[in-house]
Amino acid sequence: MRRVNRWFPLWMIAFLLIFAAAWVFTGKYIYETAAYVDQGCWGNLSNRPEEFHPRYWGIETGHDLSAWWFKDYREIELIQEKEDLRINAWIREGETKAPWILFVHGLGSCKNSHTVLLPAAMMVHEGYSVMLLDLREHGASSKIDLLHTAGQEELQDVLSGWRWIHEVKGIAAKQIGVYGVSLGAGAVALAFAEEPRMGAIWLDSPFADMEKIVRSESLRLGYPTFLSGGAKMAGQLFGGIDIMERSPLEGAGAIGNRHLFIAHGKQDERIPPVHGQMMCDTAKKSLKPQGSVECWQTRGKISVDEGRKITGHAVGMLTEMEDWNLRMKEFFGRTLQLKP
């Protein structure tokens, strides 16, 4: 008995070390799976402003978007010298001094996706100038490790685009809007918190809490949710960043006298609508008299491959296209003061 008691502390230490290592390395797998940036752009790499089609899993949905195609755009690069990054973008300029809107895509997507091309086209038809950029690790922009940071670093890409419009094109801050989808919405919200001159943003299917997303990813992969803490630590140990450090809720809470529109699908399986509601509730609590918050829950799903693949994530611009167009026209027309 004494011999057992003597070895018991060593056994416990060994067990705890093995458990801790398993916790961290399982967390690393969850982190890298959740943060991995697929380079396929959901099968939309062939899209261009002059001809684009909506695709999910590389399969066309059948929506005819030809009425929205536009030309006279050009490609530019935004150089981030401190990080040695090149952010690729398309711009299409309207009339002199027309308001601008910056469009930011979601995870594993790119500027070639209909999720940003279609709303950008809607605004081009209204006379706005637009920029569509590829976030780092996506599309034609710089690649480092093919992992996203839940907006922690991507917010700098958003700010680069916004500042280029403001400083290079000479557009007043009050006439620059920003539109973000999914991961892009999170990055835009964080940029909104960082840049007080950013006056009006539209968030499509935003996440509010990355910890909730990682927990969902743990369950999807068949792991218990307590391992999400291991994913957080793995990000710090192996990626050098805490992907949960800052939350898009910061942007909602920093609204003040500025303007925010949140659209979120009721049947979104990837980022549940509770995230959009959290953003909405937080913004309303921090709203000042001259600001505005609009929240809209959209309906519908998109199915492809004869119904074998279905999604409700960031599909509102297709399922409610006419209403989406009208609401964008009203929101940006009011907040950016587009002149007729």
C-alpha atoms as a PDB file:
ATOM      1  CA  MET A   1       0.000   0.000   0.000  1.00  0.00           C
ATOM      2  CA  ARG A   2       2.812   2.375   0.864  1.00  0.00           C
ATOM      3  CA  ARG A   3       4.473   1.604  -2.494  1.00  0.00           C
ATOM      4  CA  VAL A   4       1.215   2.449  -4.310  1.00  0.00           C
ATOM      5  CA  ASN A   5       0.863   5.687  -2.384  1.00  0.00           C
ATOM      6  CA  ARG A   6       4.455   6.612  -3.177  1.00  0.00           C
ATOM      7  CA  TRP A   7       3.911   6.221  -6.951  1.00  0.00           C
ATOM      8  CA  PHE A   8       0.430   7.717  -7.039  1.00  0.00           C
ATOM      9  CA  PRO A   9       1.574  11.386  -7.357  1.00  0.00           C
ATOM     10  CA  LEU A  10       3.826  10.446 -10.281  1.00  0.00           C
ATOM     11  CA  TRP A  11       0.979   8.633 -11.989  1.00  0.00           C
ATOM     12  CA  MET A  12      -1.244  11.664 -11.516  1.00  0.00           C
ATOM     13  CA  ILE A  13       1.404  13.990 -12.918  1.00  0.00           C
ATOM     14  CA  ALA A  14       1.912  11.715 -15.926  1.00  0.00           C
ATOM     15  CA  PHE A  15      -1.848  11.497 -16.488  1.00  0.00           C
ATOM     16  CA  LEU A  16      -2.257  15.269 -16.293  1.00  0.00           C
ATOM     17  CA  LEU A  17       0.634  15.839 -18.700  1.00  0.00           C
ATOM     18  CA  ILE A  18      -0.805  13.370 -21.207  1.00  0.00           C
ATOM     19  CA  PHE A  19      -4.279  14.894 -20.828  1.00  0.00           C
ATOM     20  CA  ALA A  20      -2.916  18.424 -21.278  1.00  0.00           C
ATOM     21  CA  ALA A  21      -0.981  17.405 -24.394  1.00  0.00           C
ATOM     22  CA  ALA A  22      -4.040  15.653 -25.841  1.00  0.00           C
ATOM     23  CA  TRP A  23      -6.190  18.695 -24.996  1.00  0.00           C
ATOM     24  CA  VAL A  24      -3.823  21.081 -26.776  1.00  0.00           C
ATOM     25  CA  PHE A  25      -3.194  18.912 -29.848  1.00  0.00           C
ATOM     26  CA  THR A  26      -6.877  18.074 -30.262  1.00  0.00           C
ATOM     27  CA  GLY A  27      -7.496  21.801 -29.890  1.00  0.00           C
ATOM     28  CA  LYS A  28      -4.869  22.391 -32.591  1.00  0.00           C
ATOM     29  CA  TYR A  29      -6.797  20.147 -34.962  1.00  0.00           C
ATOM     30  CA  ILE A  30     -10.068  21.944 -34.189  1.00  0.00           C
ATOM     31  CA  TYR A  31      -8.366  25.341 -34.542  1.00  0.00           C
ATOM     32  CA  GLU A  32      -6.753  24.514 -37.881  1.00  0.00           C
ATOM     33  CA  THR A  33      -9.971  22.972 -39.204  1.00  0.00           C
ATOM     34  CA  ALA A  34     -12.077  25.960 -38.153  1.00  0.00           C
ATOM     35  CA  ALA A  35      -9.485  28.495 -39.330  1.00  0.00           C
ATOM     36  CA  TYR A  36      -8.475  26.839 -42.608  1.00  0.00           C
ATOM     37  CA  VAL A  37      -9.039  28.977 -45.696  1.00  0.00           C
ATOM     38  CA  ASP A  38     -10.118  26.881 -48.673  1.00  0.00           C
ATOM     39  CA  GLN A  39      -8.800  28.361 -51.915  1.00  0.00           C
ATOM     40  CA  GLY A  40     -11.715  27.355 -54.137  1.00  0.00           C
ATOM     41  CA  CYS A  41     -13.920  30.408 -53.506  1.00  0.00           C
ATOM     42  CA  TRP A  42     -16.909  28.013 -53.458  1.00  0.00           C
ATOM     43  CA  GLY A  43     -16.357  27.378 -57.171  1.00  0.00           C
ATOM     44  CA  ASN A  44     -16.655  31.060 -58.104  1.00  0.00           C
ATOM     45  CA  LEU A  45     -13.108  31.841 -59.279  1.00  0.00           C
ATOM     46  CA  SER A  46     -14.244  32.198 -62.905  1.00  0.00           C
ATOM     47  CA  ASN A  47     -16.660  35.005 -62.025  1.00  0.00           C
ATOM     48  CA  ARG A  48     -15.878  38.548 -63.100  1.00  0.00           C
ATOM     49  CA  PRO A  49     -17.973  41.724 -62.806  1.00  0.00           C
ATOM     50  CA  GLU A  50     -18.857  41.499 -66.510  1.00  0.00           C
ATOM     51  CA  GLU A  51     -20.218  37.965 -66.061  1.00  0.00           C
ATOM     52  CA  PHE A  52     -20.934  36.242 -62.770  1.00  0.00           C
ATOM     53  CA  HIS A  53     -23.123  33.359 -61.650  1.00  0.00           C
ATOM     54  CA  PRO A  54     -24.056  32.204 -58.131  1.00  0.00           C
ATOM     55  CA  ARG A  55     -22.473  28.891 -57.165  1.00  0.00           C
ATOM     56  CA  TYR A  56     -22.301  26.784 -54.021  1.00  0.00           C
ATOM     57  CA  TRP A  57     -19.920  23.814 -53.897  1.00  0.00           C
ATOM     58  CA  GLY A  58     -19.065  24.733 -57.482  1.00  0.00           C
ATOM     59  CA  ILE A  59     -22.645  24.146 -58.657  1.00  0.00           C
ATOM     60  CA  GLU A  60     -24.717  26.950 -60.213  1.00  0.00           C
ATOM     61  CA  THR A  61     -27.993  27.749 -58.461  1.00  0.00           C
ATOM     62  CA  GLY A  62     -29.874  28.689 -61.622  1.00  0.00           C
ATOM     63  CA  HIS A  63     -30.443  32.345 -60.682  1.00  0.00           C
ATOM     64  CA  ASP A  64     -30.043  34.608 -63.717  1.00  0.00           C
ATOM     65  CA  LEU A  65     -27.959  37.619 -62.660  1.00  0.00           C
ATOM     66  CA  SER A  66     -27.139  38.880 -66.153  1.00  0.00           C
ATOM     67  CA  ALA A  67     -29.111  42.091 -65.603  1.00  0.00           C
ATOM     68  CA  TRP A  68     -26.580  43.043 -62.927  1.00  0.00           C
ATOM     69  CA  TRP A  69     -23.335  42.451 -64.811  1.00  0.00           C
ATOM     70  CA  PHE A  70     -21.136  45.529 -65.134  1.00  0.00           C
ATOM     71  CA  LYS A  71     -17.972  46.605 -66.964  1.00  0.00           C
ATOM     72  CA  ASP A  72     -15.427  49.428 -66.733  1.00  0.00           C
ATOM     73  CA  TYR A  73     -13.722  48.117 -63.606  1.00  0.00           C
ATOM     74  CA  ARG A  74     -10.005  47.769 -62.963  1.00  0.00           C
ATOM     75  CA  GLU A  75      -7.697  45.805 -60.692  1.00  0.00           C
ATOM     76  CA  ILE A  76      -5.495  47.435 -58.050  1.00  0.00           C
ATOM     77  CA  GLU A  77      -3.217  46.293 -55.234  1.00  0.00           C
ATOM     78  CA  LEU A  78      -3.129  47.736 -51.738  1.00  0.00           C
ATOM     79  CA  ILE A  79       0.327  47.386 -50.184  1.00  0.00           C
ATOM     80  CA  GLN A  80       0.589  46.823 -46.438  1.00  0.00           C
ATOM     81  CA  GLU A  81       4.280  47.523 -45.926  1.00  0.00           C
ATOM     82  CA  LYS A  82       4.420  46.720 -42.198  1.00  0.00           C
ATOM     83  CA  GLU A  83       3.213  43.169 -42.828  1.00  0.00           C
ATOM     84  CA  ASP A  84       4.627  42.839 -46.354  1.00  0.00           C
ATOM     85  CA  LEU A  85       1.169  41.995 -47.707  1.00  0.00           C
ATOM     86  CA  ARG A  86      -0.531  42.705 -51.005  1.00  0.00           C
ATOM     87  CA  ILE A  87      -4.318  43.014 -50.949  1.00  0.00           C
ATOM     88  CA  ASN A  88      -5.861  42.565 -54.379  1.00  0.00           C
ATOM     89  CA  ALA A  89      -9.008  44.494 -55.273  1.00  0.00           C
ATOM     90  CA  TRP A  90     -11.332  45.524 -58.062  1.00  0.00           C
ATOM     91  CA  ILE A  91     -12.657  49.062 -58.259  1.00  0.00           C
ATOM     92  CA  ARG A  92     -15.386  50.519 -60.406  1.00  0.00           C
ATOM     93  CA  GLU A  93     -15.733  54.297 -60.293  1.00  0.00           C
ATOM     94  CA  GLY A  94     -18.981  56.155 -60.759  1.00  0.00           C
ATOM     95  CA  GLU A  95     -19.260  59.846 -61.412  1.00  0.00           C
ATOM     96  CA  THR A  96     -16.756  62.234 -59.852  1.00  0.00           C
ATOM     97  CA  LYS A  97     -17.174  62.417 -56.060  1.00  0.00           C
ATOM     98  CA  ALA A  98     -19.847  59.715 -56.007  1.00  0.00           C
ATOM     99  CA  PRO A  99     -20.017  57.920 -52.640  1.00  0.00           C
ATOM    100  CA  TRP A 100     -18.015  54.705 -52.371  1.00  0.00           C
ATOM    101  CA  ILE A 101     -18.874  51.337 -50.839  1.00  0.00           C
ATOM    102  CA  LEU A 102     -16.230  48.756 -49.919  1.00  0.00           C
ATOM    103  CA  PHE A 103     -17.328  45.090 -50.179  1.00  0.00           C
ATOM    104  CA  VAL A 104     -15.690  42.332 -48.113  1.00  0.00           C
ATOM    105  CA  HIS A 105     -16.330  38.609 -48.721  1.00  0.00           C
ATOM    106  CA  GLY A 106     -16.580  35.693 -46.285  1.00  0.00           C
ATOM    107  CA  LEU A 107     -14.451  32.693 -45.269  1.00  0.00           C
ATOM    108  CA  GLY A 108     -13.128  30.595 -48.142  1.00  0.00           C
ATOM    109  CA  SER A 109     -14.747  33.017 -50.559  1.00  0.00           C
ATOM    110  CA  CYS A 110     -13.264  35.897 -52.568  1.00  0.00           C
ATOM    111  CA  LYS A 111     -14.174  39.020 -54.493  1.00  0.00           C
ATOM    112  CA  ASN A 112     -15.292  36.766 -57.379  1.00  0.00           C
ATOM    113  CA  SER A 113     -18.249  35.497 -55.337  1.00  0.00           C
ATOM    114  CA  HIS A 114     -21.810  36.562 -56.098  1.00  0.00           C
ATOM    115  CA  THR A 115     -22.187  37.279 -52.353  1.00  0.00           C
ATOM    116  CA  VAL A 116     -20.266  40.511 -52.923  1.00  0.00           C
ATOM    117  CA  LEU A 117     -20.501  40.930 -56.704  1.00  0.00           C
ATOM    118  CA  LEU A 118     -24.309  41.028 -56.703  1.00  0.00           C
ATOM    119  CA  PRO A 119     -24.746  43.661 -53.953  1.00  0.00           C
ATOM    120  CA  ALA A 120     -21.867  45.658 -55.450  1.00  0.00           C
ATOM    121  CA  ALA A 121     -23.590  45.541 -58.841  1.00  0.00           C
ATOM    122  CA  MET A 122     -26.817  46.760 -57.252  1.00  0.00           C
ATOM    123  CA  MET A 123     -24.974  49.812 -55.961  1.00  0.00           C
ATOM    124  CA  VAL A 124     -23.126  50.373 -59.255  1.00  0.00           C
ATOM    125  CA  HIS A 125     -26.530  50.586 -60.952  1.00  0.00           C
ATOM    126  CA  GLU A 126     -27.442  53.315 -58.446  1.00  0.00           C
ATOM    127  CA  GLY A 127     -24.380  55.397 -59.306  1.00  0.00           C
ATOM    128  CA  TYR A 128     -22.014  54.455 -56.476  1.00  0.00           C
ATOM    129  CA  SER A 129     -18.319  53.738 -56.847  1.00  0.00           C
ATOM    130  CA  VAL A 130     -17.327  50.359 -55.413  1.00  0.00           C
ATOM    131  CA  MET A 131     -14.298  48.400 -54.256  1.00  0.00           C
ATOM    132  CA  LEU A 132     -14.277  44.619 -53.833  1.00  0.00           C
ATOM    133  CA  LEU A 133     -11.172  43.261 -52.123  1.00  0.00           C
ATOM    134  CA  ASP A 134      -9.687  39.855 -51.359  1.00  0.00           C
ATOM    135  CA  LEU A 135      -8.841  39.426 -47.688  1.00  0.00           C
ATOM    136  CA  ARG A 136      -5.405  38.046 -46.838  1.00  0.00           C
ATOM    137  CA  GLU A 137      -5.187  34.269 -47.393  1.00  0.00           C
ATOM    138  CA  HIS A 138      -7.996  34.555 -49.963  1.00  0.00           C
ATOM    139  CA  GLY A 139      -8.313  35.012 -53.712  1.00  0.00           C
ATOM    140  CA  ALA A 140      -5.441  36.926 -55.315  1.00  0.00           C
ATOM    141  CA  SER A 141      -4.158  38.490 -52.080  1.00  0.00           C
ATOM    142  CA  SER A 142      -1.040  37.429 -50.160  1.00  0.00           C
ATOM    143  CA  LYS A 143      -0.896  33.965 -48.593  1.00  0.00           C
ATOM    144  CA  ILE A 144       0.955  33.235 -45.338  1.00  0.00           C
ATOM    145  CA  ASP A 145      -0.378  30.066 -43.702  1.00  0.00           C
ATOM    146  CA  LEU A 146      -3.893  29.658 -45.189  1.00  0.00           C
ATOM    147  CA  LEU A 147      -5.467  30.282 -41.771  1.00  0.00           C
ATOM    148  CA  HIS A 148      -7.858  33.113 -40.961  1.00  0.00           C
ATOM    149  CA  THR A 149      -7.802  34.977 -37.651  1.00  0.00           C
ATOM    150  CA  ALA A 150     -11.533  35.652 -37.163  1.00  0.00           C
ATOM    151  CA  GLY A 151     -11.071  39.291 -38.075  1.00  0.00           C
ATOM    152  CA  GLN A 152      -8.223  39.982 -35.638  1.00  0.00           C
ATOM    153  CA  GLU A 153      -5.821  40.658 -38.525  1.00  0.00           C
ATOM    154  CA  GLU A 154      -8.283  40.898 -41.422  1.00  0.00           C
ATOM    155  CA  LEU A 155      -9.609  44.154 -39.987  1.00  0.00           C
ATOM    156  CA  GLN A 156      -6.370  45.730 -41.237  1.00  0.00           C
ATOM    157  CA  ASP A 157      -7.298  44.711 -44.795  1.00  0.00           C
ATOM    158  CA  VAL A 158     -10.662  46.432 -44.383  1.00  0.00           C
ATOM    159  CA  LEU A 159      -8.970  49.547 -43.032  1.00  0.00           C
ATOM    160  CA  SER A 160      -6.491  49.512 -45.943  1.00  0.00           C
ATOM    161  CA  GLY A 161      -9.366  49.547 -48.418  1.00  0.00           C
ATOM    162  CA  TRP A 162     -11.252  52.248 -46.525  1.00  0.00           C
ATOM    163  CA  ARG A 163      -8.179  54.470 -46.186  1.00  0.00           C
ATOM    164  CA  TRP A 164      -7.278  54.057 -49.868  1.00  0.00           C
ATOM    165  CA  ILE A 165     -10.713  55.336 -50.834  1.00  0.00           C
ATOM    166  CA  HIS A 166     -10.458  58.184 -48.323  1.00  0.00           C
ATOM    167  CA  GLU A 167      -6.834  59.218 -48.878  1.00  0.00           C
ATOM    168  CA  VAL A 168      -6.028  58.273 -52.474  1.00  0.00           C
ATOM    169  CA  LYS A 169      -9.413  59.041 -54.038  1.00  0.00           C
ATOM    170  CA  GLY A 170     -10.100  61.968 -51.716  1.00  0.00           C
ATOM    171  CA  ILE A 171     -13.576  60.829 -50.683  1.00  0.00           C
ATOM    172  CA  ALA A 172     -14.966  62.272 -47.443  1.00  0.00           C
ATOM    173  CA  ALA A 173     -15.314  59.723 -44.637  1.00  0.00           C
ATOM    174  CA  LYS A 174     -19.052  60.381 -44.411  1.00  0.00           C
ATOM    175  CA  GLN A 175     -19.412  59.242 -48.033  1.00  0.00           C
ATOM    176  CA  ILE A 176     -17.738  55.842 -47.622  1.00  0.00           C
ATOM    177  CA  GLY A 177     -19.817  52.802 -46.688  1.00  0.00           C
ATOM    178  CA  VAL A 178     -18.607  49.275 -45.953  1.00  0.00           C
ATOM    179  CA  TYR A 179     -20.377  45.957 -46.578  1.00  0.00           C
ATOM    180  CA  GLY A 180     -19.191  42.656 -45.083  1.00  0.00           C
ATOM    181  CA  VAL A 181     -20.335  39.028 -45.382  1.00  0.00           C
ATOM    182  CA  SER A 182     -19.800  36.348 -42.698  1.00  0.00           C
ATOM    183  CA  LEU A 183     -16.064  36.450 -41.800  1.00  0.00           C
ATOM    184  CA  GLY A 184     -15.922  39.714 -43.732  1.00  0.00           C
ATOM    185  CA  ALA A 185     -18.763  41.054 -41.582  1.00  0.00           C
ATOM    186  CA  GLY A 186     -16.749  40.250 -38.455  1.00  0.00           C
ATOM    187  CA  ALA A 187     -13.688  42.001 -39.868  1.00  0.00           C
ATOM    188  CA  VAL A 188     -15.797  45.015 -40.869  1.00  0.00           C
ATOM    189  CA  ALA A 189     -17.318  45.214 -37.378  1.00  0.00           C
ATOM    190  CA  LEU A 190     -13.857  45.202 -35.788  1.00  0.00           C
ATOM    191  CA  ALA A 191     -12.686  47.868 -38.255  1.00  0.00           C
ATOM    192  CA  PHE A 192     -15.787  49.889 -37.306  1.00  0.00           C
ATOM    193  CA  ALA A 193     -14.633  49.757 -33.680  1.00  0.00           C
ATOM    194  CA  GLU A 194     -11.108  50.766 -34.707  1.00  0.00           C
ATOM    195  CA  GLU A 195     -11.933  53.623 -37.098  1.00  0.00           C
ATOM    196  CA  PRO A 196     -14.376  56.168 -35.599  1.00  0.00           C
ATOM    197  CA  ARG A 197     -14.706  57.986 -38.941  1.00  0.00           C
ATOM    198  CA  MET A 198     -16.285  54.911 -40.561  1.00  0.00           C
ATOM    199  CA  GLY A 199     -19.886  56.051 -40.644  1.00  0.00           C
ATOM    200  CA  ALA A 200     -22.111  53.337 -42.168  1.00  0.00           C
ATOM    201  CA  ILE A 201     -21.736  49.551 -42.412  1.00  0.00           C
ATOM    202  CA  TRP A 202     -23.929  46.691 -43.634  1.00  0.00           C
ATOM    203  CA  LEU A 203     -23.279  43.274 -42.073  1.00  0.00           C
ATOM    204  CA  ASP A 204     -24.607  40.156 -43.795  1.00  0.00           C
ATOM    205  CA  SER A 205     -24.649  37.033 -41.575  1.00  0.00           C
ATOM    206  CA  PRO A 206     -22.151  38.300 -38.980  1.00  0.00           C
ATOM    207  CA  PHE A 207     -20.731  36.255 -36.141  1.00  0.00           C
ATOM    208  CA  ALA A 208     -20.797  37.906 -32.728  1.00  0.00           C
ATOM    209  CA  ASP A 209     -18.804  35.467 -30.621  1.00  0.00           C
ATOM    210  CA  MET A 210     -15.973  33.360 -32.053  1.00  0.00           C
ATOM    211  CA  GLU A 211     -16.001  31.115 -28.988  1.00  0.00           C
ATOM    212  CA  LYS A 212     -19.537  30.012 -29.897  1.00  0.00           C
ATOM    213  CA  ILE A 213     -18.400  29.310 -33.454  1.00  0.00           C
ATOM    214  CA  VAL A 214     -15.459  27.187 -32.259  1.00  0.00           C
ATOM    215  CA  ARG A 215     -17.768  25.269 -29.919  1.00  0.00           C
ATOM    216  CA  SER A 216     -20.070  24.535 -32.855  1.00  0.00           C
ATOM    217  CA  GLU A 217     -17.071  23.422 -34.903  1.00  0.00           C
ATOM    218  CA  SER A 218     -16.014  21.090 -32.057  1.00  0.00           C
ATOM    219  CA  LEU A 219     -19.454  19.458 -32.069  1.00  0.00           C
ATOM    220  CA  ARG A 220     -19.444  19.186 -35.866  1.00  0.00           C
ATOM    221  CA  LEU A 221     -16.129  17.326 -35.678  1.00  0.00           C
ATOM    222  CA  GLY A 222     -17.452  15.039 -32.945  1.00  0.00           C
ATOM    223  CA  TYR A 223     -15.558  16.516 -29.994  1.00  0.00           C
ATOM    224  CA  PRO A 224     -16.959  17.756 -26.652  1.00  0.00           C
ATOM    225  CA  THR A 225     -17.276  21.530 -26.379  1.00  0.00           C
ATOM    226  CA  PHE A 226     -14.788  21.842 -23.506  1.00  0.00           C
ATOM    227  CA  LEU A 227     -12.057  21.242 -26.095  1.00  0.00           C
ATOM    228  CA  SER A 228     -12.794  24.672 -27.591  1.00  0.00           C
ATOM    229  CA  GLY A 229     -10.483  26.032 -24.901  1.00  0.00           C
ATOM    230  CA  GLY A 230      -7.746  23.862 -26.381  1.00  0.00           C
ATOM    231  CA  ALA A 231      -8.425  25.431 -29.774  1.00  0.00           C
ATOM    232  CA  LYS A 232      -7.973  28.881 -28.269  1.00  0.00           C
ATOM    233  CA  MET A 233      -4.656  27.880 -26.682  1.00  0.00           C
ATOM    234  CA  ALA A 234      -3.504  26.139 -29.863  1.00  0.00           C
ATOM    235  CA  GLY A 235      -4.100  29.333 -31.802  1.00  0.00           C
ATOM    236  CA  GLN A 236      -1.887  31.187 -29.360  1.00  0.00           C
ATOM    237  CA  LEU A 237       0.840  28.515 -29.253  1.00  0.00           C
ATOM    238  CA  PHE A 238       1.012  27.557 -32.926  1.00  0.00           C
ATOM    239  CA  GLY A 239      -0.485  30.567 -34.689  1.00  0.00           C
ATOM    240  CA  GLY A 240       0.721  33.310 -32.383  1.00  0.00           C
ATOM    241  CA  ILE A 241      -2.747  34.830 -32.099  1.00  0.00           C
ATOM    242  CA  ASP A 242      -5.854  34.549 -29.951  1.00  0.00           C
ATOM    243  CA  ILE A 243      -8.728  34.325 -32.436  1.00  0.00           C
ATOM    244  CA  MET A 244     -11.170  35.043 -29.598  1.00  0.00           C
ATOM    245  CA  GLU A 245      -9.338  38.103 -28.252  1.00  0.00           C
ATOM    246  CA  ARG A 246     -11.614  40.671 -29.877  1.00  0.00           C
ATOM    247  CA  SER A 247     -15.275  40.226 -30.706  1.00  0.00           C
ATOM    248  CA  PRO A 248     -17.335  41.893 -33.458  1.00  0.00           C
ATOM    249  CA  LEU A 249     -19.599  42.972 -30.591  1.00  0.00           C
ATOM    250  CA  GLU A 250     -17.001  45.718 -30.053  1.00  0.00           C
ATOM    251  CA  GLY A 251     -18.112  47.271 -33.314  1.00  0.00           C
ATOM    252  CA  ALA A 252     -21.791  47.047 -32.417  1.00  0.00           C
ATOM    253  CA  GLY A 253     -21.078  48.603 -29.028  1.00  0.00           C
ATOM    254  CA  ALA A 254     -19.117  51.456 -30.605  1.00  0.00           C
ATOM    255  CA  ILE A 255     -21.938  52.628 -32.873  1.00  0.00           C
ATOM    256  CA  GLY A 256     -22.717  55.968 -31.197  1.00  0.00           C
ATOM    257  CA  ASN A 257     -24.074  58.369 -33.827  1.00  0.00           C
ATOM    258  CA  ARG A 258     -23.144  56.086 -36.712  1.00  0.00           C
ATOM    259  CA  HIS A 259     -25.210  53.670 -38.796  1.00  0.00           C
ATOM    260  CA  LEU A 260     -25.495  49.876 -38.856  1.00  0.00           C
ATOM    261  CA  PHE A 261     -27.616  47.453 -40.878  1.00  0.00           C
ATOM    262  CA  ILE A 262     -27.645  43.754 -39.955  1.00  0.00           C
ATOM    263  CA  ALA A 263     -29.166  41.088 -42.214  1.00  0.00           C
ATOM    264  CA  HIS A 264     -29.208  37.477 -41.031  1.00  0.00           C
ATOM    265  CA  GLY A 265     -30.995  34.401 -42.337  1.00  0.00           C
ATOM    266  CA  LYS A 266     -33.483  32.654 -40.059  1.00  0.00           C
ATOM    267  CA  GLN A 267     -32.286  29.296 -41.406  1.00  0.00           C
ATOM    268  CA  ASP A 268     -28.544  29.970 -41.314  1.00  0.00           C
ATOM    269  CA  GLU A 269     -26.904  26.700 -40.264  1.00  0.00           C
ATOM    270  CA  ARG A 270     -23.320  28.008 -40.364  1.00  0.00           C
ATOM    271  CA  ILE A 271     -23.705  31.113 -38.195  1.00  0.00           C
ATOM    272  CA  PRO A 272     -27.029  30.824 -36.329  1.00  0.00           C
ATOM    273  CA  PRO A 273     -29.226  33.956 -36.306  1.00  0.00           C
ATOM    274  CA  VAL A 274     -28.639  34.403 -32.566  1.00  0.00           C
ATOM    275  CA  HIS A 275     -25.314  35.990 -33.557  1.00  0.00           C
ATOM    276  CA  GLY A 276     -27.043  38.669 -35.618  1.00  0.00           C
ATOM    277  CA  GLN A 277     -29.502  39.255 -32.778  1.00  0.00           C
ATOM    278  CA  MET A 278     -26.648  39.691 -30.291  1.00  0.00           C
ATOM    279  CA  MET A 279     -25.068  42.284 -32.575  1.00  0.00           C
ATOM    280  CA  CYS A 280     -28.404  44.049 -32.972  1.00  0.00           C
ATOM    281  CA  ASP A 281     -29.165  44.135 -29.240  1.00  0.00           C
ATOM    282  CA  THR A 282     -25.678  45.395 -28.379  1.00  0.00           C
ATOM    283  CA  ALA A 283     -25.856  48.172 -30.976  1.00  0.00           C
ATOM    284  CA  LYS A 284     -29.277  49.347 -29.818  1.00  0.00           C
ATOM    285  CA  LYS A 285     -28.005  49.692 -26.247  1.00  0.00           C
ATOM    286  CA  SER A 286     -25.133  51.917 -27.422  1.00  0.00           C
ATOM    287  CA  LEU A 287     -27.030  53.945 -30.009  1.00  0.00           C
ATOM    288  CA  LYS A 288     -27.006  57.752 -29.784  1.00  0.00           C
ATOM    289  CA  PRO A 289     -29.731  60.071 -31.179  1.00  0.00           C
ATOM    290  CA  GLN A 290     -28.186  60.723 -34.591  1.00  0.00           C
ATOM    291  CA  GLY A 291     -27.273  57.083 -35.268  1.00  0.00           C
ATOM    292  CA  SER A 292     -29.412  54.232 -36.574  1.00  0.00           C
ATOM    293  CA  VAL A 293     -29.654  50.446 -36.272  1.00  0.00           C
ATOM    294  CA  GLU A 294     -31.713  48.272 -38.625  1.00  0.00           C
ATOM    295  CA  CYS A 295     -32.032  44.519 -38.178  1.00  0.00           C
ATOM    296  CA  TRP A 296     -33.606  42.183 -40.722  1.00  0.00           C
ATOM    297  CA  GLN A 297     -34.061  38.418 -40.566  1.00  0.00           C
ATOM    298  CA  THR A 298     -34.293  36.993 -44.066  1.00  0.00           C
ATOM    299  CA  ARG A 299     -35.989  33.768 -45.155  1.00  0.00           C
ATOM    300  CA  GLY A 300     -35.156  30.867 -47.378  1.00  0.00           C
ATOM    301  CA  LYS A 301     -32.406  28.444 -48.286  1.00  0.00           C
ATOM    302  CA  ILE A 302     -30.531  27.570 -51.459  1.00  0.00           C
ATOM    303  CA  SER A 303     -30.281  23.976 -52.669  1.00  0.00           C
ATOM    304  CA  VAL A 304     -28.075  22.553 -55.411  1.00  0.00           C
ATOM    305  CA  ASP A 305     -27.162  19.104 -56.698  1.00  0.00           C
ATOM    306  CA  GLU A 306     -30.853  18.108 -56.880  1.00  0.00           C
ATOM    307  CA  GLY A 307     -31.424  19.057 -53.264  1.00  0.00           C
ATOM    308  CA  ARG A 308     -28.550  17.034 -51.853  1.00  0.00           C
ATOM    309  CA  LYS A 309     -26.689  20.156 -50.735  1.00  0.00           C
ATOM    310  CA  ILE A 310     -28.573  22.912 -48.910  1.00  0.00           C
ATOM    311  CA  THR A 311     -27.475  26.099 -47.178  1.00  0.00           C
ATOM    312  CA  GLY A 312     -29.167  29.041 -45.508  1.00  0.00           C
ATOM    313  CA  HIS A 313     -25.927  30.948 -44.896  1.00  0.00           C
ATOM    314  CA  ALA A 314     -25.569  34.328 -46.612  1.00  0.00           C
ATOM    315  CA  VAL A 315     -28.224  33.611 -49.245  1.00  0.00           C
ATOM    316  CA  GLY A 316     -30.593  36.539 -48.658  1.00  0.00           C
ATOM    317  CA  MET A 317     -29.356  38.523 -51.654  1.00  0.00           C
ATOM    318  CA  LEU A 318     -30.641  35.633 -53.809  1.00  0.00           C
ATOM    319  CA  THR A 319     -33.756  34.486 -51.939  1.00  0.00           C
ATOM    320  CA  GLU A 320     -35.016  38.057 -51.404  1.00  0.00           C
ATOM    321  CA  MET A 321     -33.205  39.842 -54.203  1.00  0.00           C
ATOM    322  CA  GLU A 322     -35.696  42.644 -54.846  1.00  0.00           C
ATOM    323  CA  ASP A 323     -36.125  43.489 -51.169  1.00  0.00           C
ATOM    324  CA  TRP A 324     -32.345  43.279 -50.638  1.00  0.00           C
ATOM    325  CA  ASN A 325     -31.782  45.773 -53.422  1.00  0.00           C
ATOM    326  CA  LEU A 326     -34.419  48.182 -52.097  1.00  0.00           C
ATOM    327  CA  ARG A 327     -33.114  48.043 -48.529  1.00  0.00           C
ATOM    328  CA  MET A 328     -29.526  48.633 -49.647  1.00  0.00           C
ATOM    329  CA  LYS A 329     -30.603  51.588 -51.769  1.00  0.00           C
ATOM    330  CA  GLU A 330     -32.475  53.095 -48.833  1.00  0.00           C
ATOM    331  CA  PHE A 331     -29.774  52.462 -46.225  1.00  0.00           C
ATOM    332  CA  PHE A 332     -26.779  53.711 -48.175  1.00  0.00           C
ATOM    333  CA  GLY A 333     -28.774  56.443 -49.897  1.00  0.00           C
ATOM    334  CA  ARG A 334     -29.754  57.812 -46.483  1.00  0.00           C
ATOM    335  CA  THR A 335     -26.433  57.348 -44.690  1.00  0.00           C
ATOM    336  CA  LEU A 336     -24.033  58.292 -47.512  1.00  0.00           C
ATOM    337  CA  GLN A 337     -26.209  61.062 -48.914  1.00  0.00           C
ATOM    338  CA  LEU A 338     -26.197  59.949 -52.544  1.00  0.00           C
ATOM    339  CA  LYS A 339     -27.257  62.868 -54.687  1.00  0.00           C
ATOM    340  CA  PRO A 340     -29.887  62.134 -57.375  1.00  0.00           C
END
